[in-house]
Amino acid sequence: MANLEAQAFSTRLAEQLKASGHPISATYIARQMHVTPHAARLWLSGVNIPKEQNMQALAKWLKVDPRWLRYGGVLEDSFVADFMLLSEEDKATVRAVVGVFGR
């Protein structure tokens, strides 16, 4: 039997796949994430939660905050959520600007 934490993750994953216009398919996720279909099936079925590296990659691919994808709840810091939606070039610009003020 799957644990409640993994089931909740599975629900968030499926909801975000649907919201992003992706099919809710282990084979599709496996191809996109370069993991085995078995691993993706375990995520979708609420048996396993991805390891941190895959969680980060999933969140980036789905354009969501990895903390939300992993733990759920409402993000208190919308800056992080907005930042995750930026292109890599725009993220680099934000990091450079923040770095200037952080000195």
C-alpha atoms as a PDB file:
ATOM      1  CA  MET A   1       0.000   0.000   0.000  1.00  0.00           C
ATOM      2  CA  ALA A   2       1.287   3.463  -0.893  1.00  0.00           C
ATOM      3  CA  ASN A   3       1.987   5.932   1.884  1.00  0.00           C
ATOM      4  CA  LEU A   4      -0.043   9.129   2.225  1.00  0.00           C
ATOM      5  CA  GLU A   5       2.894  11.387   1.374  1.00  0.00           C
ATOM      6  CA  ALA A   6       3.560   9.557  -1.897  1.00  0.00           C
ATOM      7  CA  GLN A   7      -0.146   9.560  -2.728  1.00  0.00           C
ATOM      8  CA  ALA A   8      -0.357  13.320  -2.174  1.00  0.00           C
ATOM      9  CA  PHE A   9       2.701  13.829  -4.376  1.00  0.00           C
ATOM     10  CA  SER A  10       1.108  11.651  -7.065  1.00  0.00           C
ATOM     11  CA  THR A  11      -2.032  13.788  -6.998  1.00  0.00           C
ATOM     12  CA  ARG A  12      -0.037  17.018  -7.366  1.00  0.00           C
ATOM     13  CA  LEU A  13       2.010  15.506 -10.191  1.00  0.00           C
ATOM     14  CA  ALA A  14      -1.067  14.366 -12.115  1.00  0.00           C
ATOM     15  CA  GLU A  15      -2.832  17.702 -11.570  1.00  0.00           C
ATOM     16  CA  GLN A  16       0.183  19.657 -12.794  1.00  0.00           C
ATOM     17  CA  LEU A  17       0.659  17.393 -15.811  1.00  0.00           C
ATOM     18  CA  LYS A  18      -2.963  18.002 -16.770  1.00  0.00           C
ATOM     19  CA  ALA A  19      -2.746  21.752 -16.098  1.00  0.00           C
ATOM     20  CA  SER A  20       0.365  21.957 -18.278  1.00  0.00           C
ATOM     21  CA  GLY A  21      -1.289  20.093 -21.129  1.00  0.00           C
ATOM     22  CA  HIS A  22       0.807  16.945 -20.732  1.00  0.00           C
ATOM     23  CA  PRO A  23      -0.675  13.447 -20.760  1.00  0.00           C
ATOM     24  CA  ILE A  24      -0.823  11.625 -17.457  1.00  0.00           C
ATOM     25  CA  SER A  25       1.321   8.766 -18.701  1.00  0.00           C
ATOM     26  CA  ALA A  26       4.272   6.980 -17.134  1.00  0.00           C
ATOM     27  CA  THR A  27       5.765   6.331 -20.562  1.00  0.00           C
ATOM     28  CA  TYR A  28       5.491  10.010 -21.479  1.00  0.00           C
ATOM     29  CA  ILE A  29       7.055  11.143 -18.188  1.00  0.00           C
ATOM     30  CA  ALA A  30       9.827   8.568 -18.572  1.00  0.00           C
ATOM     31  CA  ARG A  31      10.717   9.886 -22.021  1.00  0.00           C
ATOM     32  CA  GLN A  32      10.689  13.513 -20.884  1.00  0.00           C
ATOM     33  CA  MET A  33      12.634  12.882 -17.672  1.00  0.00           C
ATOM     34  CA  HIS A  34      15.020  10.181 -18.940  1.00  0.00           C
ATOM     35  CA  VAL A  35      13.944   7.702 -16.276  1.00  0.00           C
ATOM     36  CA  THR A  36      12.490   4.228 -16.600  1.00  0.00           C
ATOM     37  CA  PRO A  37       8.757   3.864 -17.230  1.00  0.00           C
ATOM     38  CA  HIS A  38       8.664   1.751 -14.057  1.00  0.00           C
ATOM     39  CA  ALA A  39      10.005   4.653 -11.958  1.00  0.00           C
ATOM     40  CA  ALA A  40       7.503   7.082 -13.483  1.00  0.00           C
ATOM     41  CA  ARG A  41       4.685   4.574 -12.934  1.00  0.00           C
ATOM     42  CA  LEU A  42       5.593   4.348  -9.238  1.00  0.00           C
ATOM     43  CA  TRP A  43       5.440   8.158  -8.987  1.00  0.00           C
ATOM     44  CA  LEU A  44       2.036   8.325 -10.671  1.00  0.00           C
ATOM     45  CA  SER A  45       0.623   5.453  -8.636  1.00  0.00           C
ATOM     46  CA  GLY A  46       1.593   7.012  -5.309  1.00  0.00           C
ATOM     47  CA  VAL A  47       4.084   4.320  -4.352  1.00  0.00           C
ATOM     48  CA  ASN A  48       7.326   6.326  -4.549  1.00  0.00           C
ATOM     49  CA  ILE A  49       8.448   9.938  -4.449  1.00  0.00           C
ATOM     50  CA  PRO A  50      11.308  10.890  -6.783  1.00  0.00           C
ATOM     51  CA  LYS A  51      14.789  11.417  -5.397  1.00  0.00           C
ATOM     52  CA  GLU A  52      15.851  15.064  -5.070  1.00  0.00           C
ATOM     53  CA  GLN A  53      17.582  15.281  -8.461  1.00  0.00           C
ATOM     54  CA  ASN A  54      14.515  13.959 -10.273  1.00  0.00           C
ATOM     55  CA  MET A  55      12.213  16.117  -8.158  1.00  0.00           C
ATOM     56  CA  GLN A  56      14.171  19.213  -9.201  1.00  0.00           C
ATOM     57  CA  ALA A  57      14.065  18.156 -12.853  1.00  0.00           C
ATOM     58  CA  LEU A  58      10.328  17.411 -12.701  1.00  0.00           C
ATOM     59  CA  ALA A  59       9.600  20.776 -11.111  1.00  0.00           C
ATOM     60  CA  LYS A  60      11.685  22.598 -13.695  1.00  0.00           C
ATOM     61  CA  TRP A  61       9.990  20.732 -16.545  1.00  0.00           C
ATOM     62  CA  LEU A  62       6.524  21.427 -15.112  1.00  0.00           C
ATOM     63  CA  LYS A  63       7.462  25.008 -14.186  1.00  0.00           C
ATOM     64  CA  VAL A  64       6.499  24.691 -10.533  1.00  0.00           C
ATOM     65  CA  ASP A  65       8.354  25.179  -7.298  1.00  0.00           C
ATOM     66  CA  PRO A  66      10.005  21.894  -6.269  1.00  0.00           C
ATOM     67  CA  ARG A  67       8.914  22.452  -2.657  1.00  0.00           C
ATOM     68  CA  TRP A  68       5.284  22.642  -3.741  1.00  0.00           C
ATOM     69  CA  LEU A  69       5.616  19.559  -5.927  1.00  0.00           C
ATOM     70  CA  ARG A  70       7.229  17.613  -3.086  1.00  0.00           C
ATOM     71  CA  TYR A  71       5.288  18.865  -0.072  1.00  0.00           C
ATOM     72  CA  GLY A  72       2.202  20.682  -1.366  1.00  0.00           C
ATOM     73  CA  GLY A  73       0.624  23.619   0.369  1.00  0.00           C
ATOM     74  CA  VAL A  74       0.602  27.245  -0.645  1.00  0.00           C
ATOM     75  CA  LEU A  75       3.865  28.930  -1.503  1.00  0.00           C
ATOM     76  CA  GLU A  76       4.377  31.874   0.789  1.00  0.00           C
ATOM     77  CA  ASP A  77       7.060  33.287  -1.439  1.00  0.00           C
ATOM     78  CA  SER A  78       5.542  33.925  -4.851  1.00  0.00           C
ATOM     79  CA  PHE A  79       8.917  35.290  -5.997  1.00  0.00           C
ATOM     80  CA  VAL A  80      10.249  31.735  -6.045  1.00  0.00           C
ATOM     81  CA  ALA A  81       7.295  30.503  -8.076  1.00  0.00           C
ATOM     82  CA  ASP A  82       7.669  33.407 -10.520  1.00  0.00           C
ATOM     83  CA  PHE A  83      11.414  32.821 -10.735  1.00  0.00           C
ATOM     84  CA  MET A  84      10.847  29.167 -11.673  1.00  0.00           C
ATOM     85  CA  LEU A  85       8.823  30.280 -14.695  1.00  0.00           C
ATOM     86  CA  LEU A  86      11.662  32.379 -16.135  1.00  0.00           C
ATOM     87  CA  SER A  87      13.900  31.290 -18.977  1.00  0.00           C
ATOM     88  CA  GLU A  88      17.447  30.278 -18.052  1.00  0.00           C
ATOM     89  CA  GLU A  89      18.725  33.561 -19.504  1.00  0.00           C
ATOM     90  CA  ASP A  90      16.306  35.597 -17.389  1.00  0.00           C
ATOM     91  CA  LYS A  91      17.186  33.569 -14.289  1.00  0.00           C
ATOM     92  CA  ALA A  92      20.865  34.394 -14.874  1.00  0.00           C
ATOM     93  CA  THR A  93      19.977  38.089 -15.081  1.00  0.00           C
ATOM     94  CA  VAL A  94      18.038  37.946 -11.805  1.00  0.00           C
ATOM     95  CA  ARG A  95      20.917  36.118 -10.109  1.00  0.00           C
ATOM     96  CA  ALA A  96      23.361  38.775 -11.334  1.00  0.00           C
ATOM     97  CA  VAL A  97      21.172  41.626 -10.061  1.00  0.00           C
ATOM     98  CA  VAL A  98      20.607  39.945  -6.691  1.00  0.00           C
ATOM     99  CA  GLY A  99      24.342  39.260  -6.461  1.00  0.00           C
ATOM    100  CA  VAL A 100      25.125  42.960  -6.882  1.00  0.00           C
ATOM    101  CA  PHE A 101      22.829  43.916  -4.023  1.00  0.00           C
ATOM    102  CA  GLY A 102      24.026  41.061  -1.856  1.00  0.00           C
ATOM    103  CA  ARG A 103      27.549  42.438  -1.666  1.00  0.00           C
END
